[in-house]
Amino acid sequence: MNDVSISIQEHDFNFADELEKLEQDNQQDGAVVSFLGRVRNKNLGQQVTALFLEHYPQMTEKSLQQIVQRAQQRWQLGRICIIHRVGLLAVGEKIVMVAVTSQHRSDAFEATQFIMDFLKVEAPFWKKEVCEEGEKWLSPNQTDVDKAAQW
């Protein structure tokens, strides 16, 4: 496996299979930390029925690579896997997976958090929430902006 795997895709993925690929033939790393994000059924007090994600492929991939490079400069990391879905997703469907291996757990935990924090505010994904009351485009919320600024 390449040390970094980034995939932006419409189709679903199997979380367990992706973790297994990350760990395959990896005897040097003792820590594996992963995050899985799903479409939730409520946001800001409204009932969500779906989420639609758009992106500009070349810009998105470059942005994700830059986020990964910054993480690699800060921590000693082994392998990194990012999968981010686009298109129309139903409540409960997987949106994003970030998984990181490292020799030590603190590096893996911090890098995973860092990558997710910057995915939320820097990666050029445009999200439209479909609610019972109608559709609305979402912007990064202040909490996400503040978390990224702490790094």
N, C-alpha and C. Protein backbone atom coordinates (compact mmCIF):
# COMPACT_ATOMS: atom_id res chain seq x y z
N MET A 1 0.84 -1.19 0.00
CA MET A 1 0.00 0.00 0.00
C MET A 1 0.88 1.25 0.00
N ASN A 2 0.47 2.22 -0.78
CA ASN A 2 1.11 3.53 -0.73
C ASN A 2 0.89 4.11 0.66
N ASP A 3 1.80 4.95 1.12
CA ASP A 3 1.65 5.52 2.46
C ASP A 3 0.47 6.46 2.59
N VAL A 4 0.03 7.05 1.48
CA VAL A 4 -1.11 7.96 1.50
C VAL A 4 -2.11 7.54 0.43
N SER A 5 -3.34 7.38 0.86
CA SER A 5 -4.44 7.04 -0.05
C SER A 5 -5.54 8.09 0.12
N ILE A 6 -5.83 8.81 -0.96
CA ILE A 6 -6.89 9.82 -0.94
C ILE A 6 -7.87 9.46 -2.04
N SER A 7 -9.14 9.35 -1.66
CA SER A 7 -10.16 9.02 -2.65
C SER A 7 -11.38 9.92 -2.44
N ILE A 8 -11.80 10.55 -3.52
CA ILE A 8 -13.04 11.33 -3.53
C ILE A 8 -13.96 10.59 -4.47
N GLN A 9 -15.09 10.13 -3.94
CA GLN A 9 -15.89 9.18 -4.71
C GLN A 9 -17.38 9.30 -4.40
N GLU A 10 -18.19 8.86 -5.35
CA GLU A 10 -19.63 8.83 -5.14
C GLU A 10 -20.08 7.55 -4.44
N HIS A 11 -19.42 6.44 -4.74
CA HIS A 11 -19.87 5.16 -4.22
C HIS A 11 -19.46 4.96 -2.76
N ASP A 12 -20.23 4.14 -2.08
CA ASP A 12 -19.99 3.83 -0.68
C ASP A 12 -18.71 3.02 -0.53
N PHE A 13 -18.25 2.89 0.69
CA PHE A 13 -17.05 2.10 0.97
C PHE A 13 -17.28 1.27 2.23
N ASN A 14 -16.49 0.22 2.36
CA ASN A 14 -16.58 -0.65 3.53
C ASN A 14 -15.49 -0.23 4.51
N PHE A 15 -15.90 0.31 5.64
CA PHE A 15 -14.98 0.84 6.64
C PHE A 15 -13.97 -0.21 7.09
N ALA A 16 -14.45 -1.41 7.41
CA ALA A 16 -13.56 -2.49 7.90
C ALA A 16 -12.55 -2.88 6.83
N ASP A 17 -12.98 -2.95 5.57
CA ASP A 17 -12.06 -3.30 4.49
C ASP A 17 -10.97 -2.23 4.32
N GLU A 18 -11.35 -0.98 4.45
CA GLU A 18 -10.38 0.10 4.31
C GLU A 18 -9.35 0.07 5.45
N LEU A 19 -9.81 -0.21 6.67
CA LEU A 19 -8.87 -0.33 7.79
C LEU A 19 -7.93 -1.51 7.59
N GLU A 20 -8.48 -2.60 7.09
CA GLU A 20 -7.65 -3.79 6.85
C GLU A 20 -6.56 -3.48 5.82
N LYS A 21 -6.90 -2.75 4.76
CA LYS A 21 -5.90 -2.37 3.76
C LYS A 21 -4.82 -1.49 4.40
N LEU A 22 -5.23 -0.60 5.29
CA LEU A 22 -4.29 0.30 5.95
C LEU A 22 -3.30 -0.47 6.82
N GLU A 23 -3.78 -1.54 7.43
CA GLU A 23 -2.94 -2.31 8.35
C GLU A 23 -2.16 -3.43 7.67
N GLN A 24 -2.52 -3.78 6.44
CA GLN A 24 -1.91 -4.91 5.75
C GLN A 24 -0.40 -4.74 5.63
N ASP A 25 0.32 -5.76 6.07
CA ASP A 25 1.79 -5.78 6.01
C ASP A 25 2.42 -4.56 6.68
N ASN A 26 1.78 -4.06 7.71
CA ASN A 26 2.29 -2.89 8.42
C ASN A 26 2.67 -3.31 9.84
N GLN A 27 3.90 -3.73 9.99
CA GLN A 27 4.37 -4.20 11.30
C GLN A 27 5.15 -3.12 12.04
N GLN A 28 5.40 -1.98 11.39
CA GLN A 28 6.18 -0.94 12.03
C GLN A 28 5.33 0.02 12.86
N ASP A 29 4.02 0.08 12.60
CA ASP A 29 3.16 1.02 13.31
C ASP A 29 2.33 0.31 14.37
N GLY A 30 2.38 0.83 15.59
CA GLY A 30 1.64 0.24 16.70
C GLY A 30 0.30 0.90 16.95
N ALA A 31 0.04 2.02 16.28
CA ALA A 31 -1.21 2.75 16.51
C ALA A 31 -1.97 2.92 15.21
N VAL A 32 -3.28 2.71 15.29
CA VAL A 32 -4.19 2.98 14.19
C VAL A 32 -5.36 3.76 14.78
N VAL A 33 -5.57 4.97 14.28
CA VAL A 33 -6.68 5.80 14.74
C VAL A 33 -7.53 6.12 13.53
N SER A 34 -8.85 6.00 13.70
CA SER A 34 -9.74 6.25 12.57
C SER A 34 -10.94 7.08 13.01
N PHE A 35 -11.50 7.78 12.04
CA PHE A 35 -12.71 8.56 12.22
C PHE A 35 -13.63 8.24 11.06
N LEU A 36 -14.92 8.08 11.37
CA LEU A 36 -15.93 7.86 10.35
C LEU A 36 -17.04 8.86 10.57
N GLY A 37 -17.34 9.67 9.55
CA GLY A 37 -18.42 10.65 9.63
C GLY A 37 -19.60 10.19 8.81
N ARG A 38 -20.79 10.38 9.37
CA ARG A 38 -22.04 9.97 8.71
C ARG A 38 -23.00 11.15 8.60
N VAL A 39 -23.97 11.04 7.72
CA VAL A 39 -25.03 12.04 7.61
C VAL A 39 -25.97 11.83 8.81
N ARG A 40 -26.12 12.90 9.60
CA ARG A 40 -27.02 12.78 10.76
C ARG A 40 -28.42 13.28 10.40
N ASN A 41 -29.37 12.91 11.23
CA ASN A 41 -30.77 13.19 10.91
C ASN A 41 -31.26 14.56 11.37
N LYS A 42 -30.45 15.28 12.15
CA LYS A 42 -30.84 16.62 12.60
C LYS A 42 -29.64 17.54 12.56
N ASN A 43 -29.90 18.80 12.24
CA ASN A 43 -28.87 19.83 12.28
C ASN A 43 -29.54 21.16 12.56
N LEU A 44 -29.03 21.85 13.55
CA LEU A 44 -29.56 23.16 13.93
C LEU A 44 -31.07 23.10 14.18
N GLY A 45 -31.50 22.01 14.80
CA GLY A 45 -32.90 21.86 15.17
C GLY A 45 -33.83 21.45 14.04
N GLN A 46 -33.30 21.22 12.86
CA GLN A 46 -34.13 20.83 11.72
C GLN A 46 -33.92 19.36 11.38
N GLN A 47 -34.98 18.73 10.92
CA GLN A 47 -34.94 17.34 10.49
C GLN A 47 -34.28 17.26 9.12
N VAL A 48 -33.15 16.55 9.03
CA VAL A 48 -32.41 16.40 7.78
C VAL A 48 -32.86 15.12 7.09
N THR A 49 -33.08 15.20 5.78
CA THR A 49 -33.46 14.01 5.02
C THR A 49 -32.34 13.52 4.10
N ALA A 50 -31.41 14.42 3.75
CA ALA A 50 -30.30 14.04 2.88
C ALA A 50 -29.25 15.16 2.89
N LEU A 51 -28.09 14.84 2.33
CA LEU A 51 -27.00 15.80 2.19
C LEU A 51 -26.43 15.64 0.80
N PHE A 52 -26.25 16.76 0.12
CA PHE A 52 -25.67 16.75 -1.22
C PHE A 52 -24.32 17.45 -1.17
N LEU A 53 -23.27 16.78 -1.67
CA LEU A 53 -21.92 17.34 -1.66
C LEU A 53 -21.40 17.46 -3.09
N GLU A 54 -20.87 18.65 -3.39
CA GLU A 54 -20.23 18.92 -4.68
C GLU A 54 -18.78 19.28 -4.43
N HIS A 55 -17.98 19.17 -5.48
CA HIS A 55 -16.59 19.59 -5.37
C HIS A 55 -16.02 19.83 -6.77
N TYR A 56 -14.89 20.50 -6.79
CA TYR A 56 -14.14 20.71 -8.03
C TYR A 56 -12.94 19.78 -7.94
N PRO A 57 -12.91 18.67 -8.68
CA PRO A 57 -11.94 17.60 -8.46
C PRO A 57 -10.48 18.02 -8.30
N GLN A 58 -9.93 18.79 -9.25
CA GLN A 58 -8.51 19.12 -9.16
C GLN A 58 -8.21 19.96 -7.91
N MET A 59 -9.07 20.88 -7.60
CA MET A 59 -8.86 21.74 -6.44
C MET A 59 -9.01 20.94 -5.14
N THR A 60 -9.97 20.05 -5.09
CA THR A 60 -10.22 19.27 -3.88
C THR A 60 -9.05 18.33 -3.59
N GLU A 61 -8.61 17.61 -4.59
CA GLU A 61 -7.51 16.68 -4.38
C GLU A 61 -6.24 17.41 -3.94
N LYS A 62 -5.95 18.54 -4.55
CA LYS A 62 -4.77 19.32 -4.17
C LYS A 62 -4.90 19.78 -2.72
N SER A 63 -6.06 20.22 -2.31
CA SER A 63 -6.29 20.68 -0.94
C SER A 63 -6.08 19.54 0.06
N LEU A 64 -6.61 18.36 -0.24
CA LEU A 64 -6.44 17.22 0.66
C LEU A 64 -4.98 16.81 0.76
N GLN A 65 -4.27 16.84 -0.35
CA GLN A 65 -2.84 16.51 -0.33
C GLN A 65 -2.06 17.51 0.53
N GLN A 66 -2.42 18.78 0.45
CA GLN A 66 -1.74 19.79 1.27
C GLN A 66 -2.02 19.58 2.76
N ILE A 67 -3.24 19.23 3.10
CA ILE A 67 -3.58 18.96 4.50
C ILE A 67 -2.76 17.77 5.01
N VAL A 68 -2.66 16.72 4.21
CA VAL A 68 -1.88 15.54 4.59
C VAL A 68 -0.41 15.92 4.75
N GLN A 69 0.13 16.69 3.83
CA GLN A 69 1.55 17.09 3.92
C GLN A 69 1.82 17.87 5.20
N ARG A 70 0.89 18.74 5.57
CA ARG A 70 1.07 19.50 6.81
C ARG A 70 1.05 18.57 8.02
N ALA A 71 0.18 17.58 8.01
CA ALA A 71 0.14 16.60 9.10
C ALA A 71 1.45 15.82 9.17
N GLN A 72 1.95 15.42 8.01
CA GLN A 72 3.20 14.66 7.97
C GLN A 72 4.38 15.48 8.47
N GLN A 73 4.34 16.78 8.31
CA GLN A 73 5.41 17.64 8.80
C GLN A 73 5.37 17.80 10.32
N ARG A 74 4.19 17.67 10.90
CA ARG A 74 4.02 17.88 12.35
C ARG A 74 4.25 16.62 13.18
N TRP A 75 3.87 15.45 12.62
CA TRP A 75 3.91 14.21 13.38
C TRP A 75 4.63 13.12 12.59
N GLN A 76 5.12 12.12 13.31
CA GLN A 76 5.72 10.96 12.65
C GLN A 76 4.60 9.98 12.34
N LEU A 77 4.25 9.91 11.08
CA LEU A 77 3.10 9.11 10.66
C LEU A 77 3.54 7.99 9.74
N GLY A 78 2.76 6.93 9.76
CA GLY A 78 2.98 5.83 8.84
C GLY A 78 2.11 6.01 7.62
N ARG A 79 0.92 5.46 7.68
CA ARG A 79 0.00 5.49 6.55
C ARG A 79 -1.19 6.39 6.85
N ILE A 80 -1.75 6.93 5.78
CA ILE A 80 -2.91 7.82 5.91
C ILE A 80 -3.91 7.43 4.83
N CYS A 81 -5.16 7.33 5.25
CA CYS A 81 -6.25 7.06 4.31
C CYS A 81 -7.34 8.11 4.52
N ILE A 82 -7.71 8.77 3.43
CA ILE A 82 -8.85 9.70 3.45
C ILE A 82 -9.79 9.28 2.34
N ILE A 83 -11.03 9.07 2.70
CA ILE A 83 -12.08 8.82 1.71
C ILE A 83 -13.17 9.85 1.99
N HIS A 84 -13.54 10.60 0.97
CA HIS A 84 -14.62 11.58 1.12
C HIS A 84 -15.60 11.38 -0.02
N ARG A 85 -16.85 11.23 0.35
CA ARG A 85 -17.86 10.99 -0.67
C ARG A 85 -18.48 12.30 -1.15
N VAL A 86 -18.98 12.26 -2.36
CA VAL A 86 -19.70 13.37 -2.97
C VAL A 86 -20.99 12.82 -3.58
N GLY A 87 -21.89 13.73 -3.93
CA GLY A 87 -23.17 13.32 -4.49
C GLY A 87 -24.25 13.39 -3.42
N LEU A 88 -25.36 12.75 -3.69
CA LEU A 88 -26.51 12.75 -2.79
C LEU A 88 -26.40 11.60 -1.80
N LEU A 89 -26.38 11.92 -0.51
CA LEU A 89 -26.24 10.91 0.54
C LEU A 89 -27.45 10.96 1.46
N ALA A 90 -27.97 9.79 1.79
CA ALA A 90 -29.12 9.68 2.69
C ALA A 90 -28.65 9.72 4.14
N VAL A 91 -29.58 10.00 5.03
CA VAL A 91 -29.29 9.97 6.47
C VAL A 91 -28.71 8.60 6.82
N GLY A 92 -27.63 8.62 7.60
CA GLY A 92 -26.98 7.38 8.03
C GLY A 92 -25.85 6.92 7.12
N GLU A 93 -25.79 7.44 5.91
CA GLU A 93 -24.72 7.02 5.00
C GLU A 93 -23.39 7.63 5.42
N LYS A 94 -22.31 6.93 5.06
CA LYS A 94 -20.96 7.40 5.35
C LYS A 94 -20.61 8.57 4.42
N ILE A 95 -20.00 9.61 5.03
CA ILE A 95 -19.52 10.76 4.26
C ILE A 95 -18.01 10.71 4.13
N VAL A 96 -17.34 10.51 5.26
CA VAL A 96 -15.89 10.68 5.28
C VAL A 96 -15.24 9.65 6.21
N MET A 97 -14.06 9.23 5.82
CA MET A 97 -13.22 8.38 6.66
C MET A 97 -11.82 8.97 6.66
N VAL A 98 -11.25 9.10 7.85
CA VAL A 98 -9.84 9.47 7.99
C VAL A 98 -9.22 8.43 8.91
N ALA A 99 -8.14 7.82 8.48
CA ALA A 99 -7.44 6.84 9.31
C ALA A 99 -5.94 7.07 9.17
N VAL A 100 -5.26 6.97 10.30
CA VAL A 100 -3.83 7.26 10.36
C VAL A 100 -3.14 6.18 11.18
N THR A 101 -1.98 5.74 10.70
CA THR A 101 -1.15 4.84 11.49
C THR A 101 0.12 5.59 11.90
N SER A 102 0.68 5.15 13.01
CA SER A 102 1.91 5.73 13.51
C SER A 102 2.55 4.74 14.47
N GLN A 103 3.81 4.96 14.77
CA GLN A 103 4.45 4.12 15.77
C GLN A 103 3.86 4.39 17.15
N HIS A 104 3.37 5.61 17.35
CA HIS A 104 2.88 6.01 18.67
C HIS A 104 1.47 6.58 18.59
N ARG A 105 0.66 6.29 19.59
CA ARG A 105 -0.75 6.66 19.55
C ARG A 105 -0.98 8.17 19.55
N SER A 106 -0.17 8.94 20.27
CA SER A 106 -0.43 10.37 20.34
C SER A 106 -0.30 11.01 18.96
N ASP A 107 0.69 10.60 18.18
CA ASP A 107 0.83 11.14 16.83
C ASP A 107 -0.38 10.77 15.97
N ALA A 108 -0.84 9.53 16.08
CA ALA A 108 -1.98 9.08 15.28
C ALA A 108 -3.26 9.81 15.67
N PHE A 109 -3.50 9.97 16.98
CA PHE A 109 -4.70 10.68 17.44
C PHE A 109 -4.68 12.13 16.97
N GLU A 110 -3.57 12.82 17.22
CA GLU A 110 -3.49 14.23 16.88
C GLU A 110 -3.58 14.47 15.38
N ALA A 111 -2.92 13.65 14.60
CA ALA A 111 -2.96 13.82 13.15
C ALA A 111 -4.36 13.58 12.59
N THR A 112 -5.06 12.59 13.12
CA THR A 112 -6.42 12.32 12.67
C THR A 112 -7.32 13.51 12.97
N GLN A 113 -7.21 14.04 14.18
CA GLN A 113 -8.00 15.22 14.56
C GLN A 113 -7.65 16.42 13.68
N PHE A 114 -6.38 16.64 13.47
CA PHE A 114 -5.89 17.74 12.63
C PHE A 114 -6.48 17.63 11.21
N ILE A 115 -6.36 16.46 10.62
CA ILE A 115 -6.86 16.26 9.25
C ILE A 115 -8.35 16.53 9.19
N MET A 116 -9.12 16.01 10.13
CA MET A 116 -10.56 16.24 10.13
C MET A 116 -10.89 17.71 10.33
N ASP A 117 -10.20 18.37 11.25
CA ASP A 117 -10.46 19.79 11.50
C ASP A 117 -10.25 20.61 10.24
N PHE A 118 -9.19 20.31 9.48
CA PHE A 118 -8.92 21.09 8.28
C PHE A 118 -9.77 20.65 7.09
N LEU A 119 -10.19 19.39 7.06
CA LEU A 119 -11.15 18.97 6.04
C LEU A 119 -12.43 19.79 6.16
N LYS A 120 -12.86 20.04 7.39
CA LYS A 120 -14.11 20.75 7.63
C LYS A 120 -14.07 22.21 7.17
N VAL A 121 -12.90 22.84 7.24
CA VAL A 121 -12.86 24.28 6.95
C VAL A 121 -12.07 24.67 5.71
N GLU A 122 -11.18 23.81 5.22
CA GLU A 122 -10.34 24.18 4.07
C GLU A 122 -10.65 23.42 2.79
N ALA A 123 -11.07 22.19 2.92
CA ALA A 123 -11.30 21.39 1.71
C ALA A 123 -12.51 21.94 0.96
N PRO A 124 -12.38 22.13 -0.35
CA PRO A 124 -13.46 22.76 -1.12
C PRO A 124 -14.59 21.78 -1.48
N PHE A 125 -15.33 21.41 -0.45
CA PHE A 125 -16.57 20.66 -0.65
C PHE A 125 -17.71 21.62 -0.37
N TRP A 126 -18.70 21.61 -1.23
CA TRP A 126 -19.88 22.44 -1.01
C TRP A 126 -21.01 21.50 -0.61
N LYS A 127 -21.62 21.82 0.55
CA LYS A 127 -22.63 20.93 1.12
C LYS A 127 -23.99 21.61 1.13
N LYS A 128 -24.97 20.89 0.59
CA LYS A 128 -26.35 21.35 0.63
C LYS A 128 -27.15 20.36 1.46
N GLU A 129 -27.78 20.88 2.50
CA GLU A 129 -28.58 20.04 3.37
C GLU A 129 -30.02 20.05 2.86
N VAL A 130 -30.60 18.86 2.78
CA VAL A 130 -31.99 18.73 2.38
C VAL A 130 -32.79 18.45 3.65
N CYS A 131 -33.69 19.39 3.97
CA CYS A 131 -34.48 19.29 5.20
C CYS A 131 -35.96 19.26 4.84
N GLU A 132 -36.77 18.92 5.81
CA GLU A 132 -38.22 18.94 5.59
C GLU A 132 -38.69 20.34 5.22
N GLU A 133 -37.98 21.38 5.70
CA GLU A 133 -38.36 22.77 5.44
C GLU A 133 -37.81 23.28 4.11
N GLY A 134 -36.96 22.50 3.45
CA GLY A 134 -36.36 22.93 2.18
C GLY A 134 -34.87 22.62 2.15
N GLU A 135 -34.17 23.22 1.19
CA GLU A 135 -32.74 22.98 1.01
C GLU A 135 -31.96 24.23 1.37
N LYS A 136 -30.73 24.02 1.91
CA LYS A 136 -29.87 25.17 2.22
C LYS A 136 -28.42 24.74 2.10
N TRP A 137 -27.61 25.68 1.56
CA TRP A 137 -26.17 25.47 1.47
C TRP A 137 -25.56 25.74 2.82
N LEU A 138 -24.58 24.93 3.21
CA LEU A 138 -23.94 25.06 4.52
C LEU A 138 -22.56 25.70 4.38
N SER A 139 -22.19 26.46 5.40
CA SER A 139 -20.84 27.02 5.52
C SER A 139 -20.19 26.40 6.75
N PRO A 140 -18.86 26.41 6.82
CA PRO A 140 -18.23 25.92 8.05
C PRO A 140 -18.76 26.70 9.25
N ASN A 141 -19.10 25.98 10.31
CA ASN A 141 -19.59 26.69 11.49
C ASN A 141 -18.42 27.24 12.30
N GLN A 142 -18.72 28.16 13.18
CA GLN A 142 -17.68 28.85 13.93
C GLN A 142 -16.88 27.89 14.80
N THR A 143 -17.53 26.87 15.35
CA THR A 143 -16.83 25.89 16.17
C THR A 143 -15.75 25.19 15.37
N ASP A 144 -16.07 24.81 14.13
CA ASP A 144 -15.08 24.14 13.27
C ASP A 144 -13.93 25.09 12.92
N VAL A 145 -14.24 26.33 12.64
CA VAL A 145 -13.21 27.32 12.33
C VAL A 145 -12.30 27.52 13.53
N ASP A 146 -12.91 27.62 14.72
CA ASP A 146 -12.11 27.80 15.95
C ASP A 146 -11.20 26.61 16.23
N LYS A 147 -11.72 25.39 16.01
CA LYS A 147 -10.90 24.19 16.25
C LYS A 147 -9.69 24.17 15.32
N ALA A 148 -9.89 24.48 14.06
CA ALA A 148 -8.78 24.50 13.11
C ALA A 148 -7.76 25.58 13.49
N ALA A 149 -8.25 26.72 13.97
CA ALA A 149 -7.36 27.82 14.33
C ALA A 149 -6.47 27.47 15.53
N GLN A 150 -6.87 26.51 16.34
CA GLN A 150 -6.08 26.12 17.52
C GLN A 150 -4.79 25.40 17.12
N TRP A 151 -4.74 24.86 15.92
CA TRP A 151 -3.54 24.15 15.49
C TRP A 151 -2.46 25.14 15.14
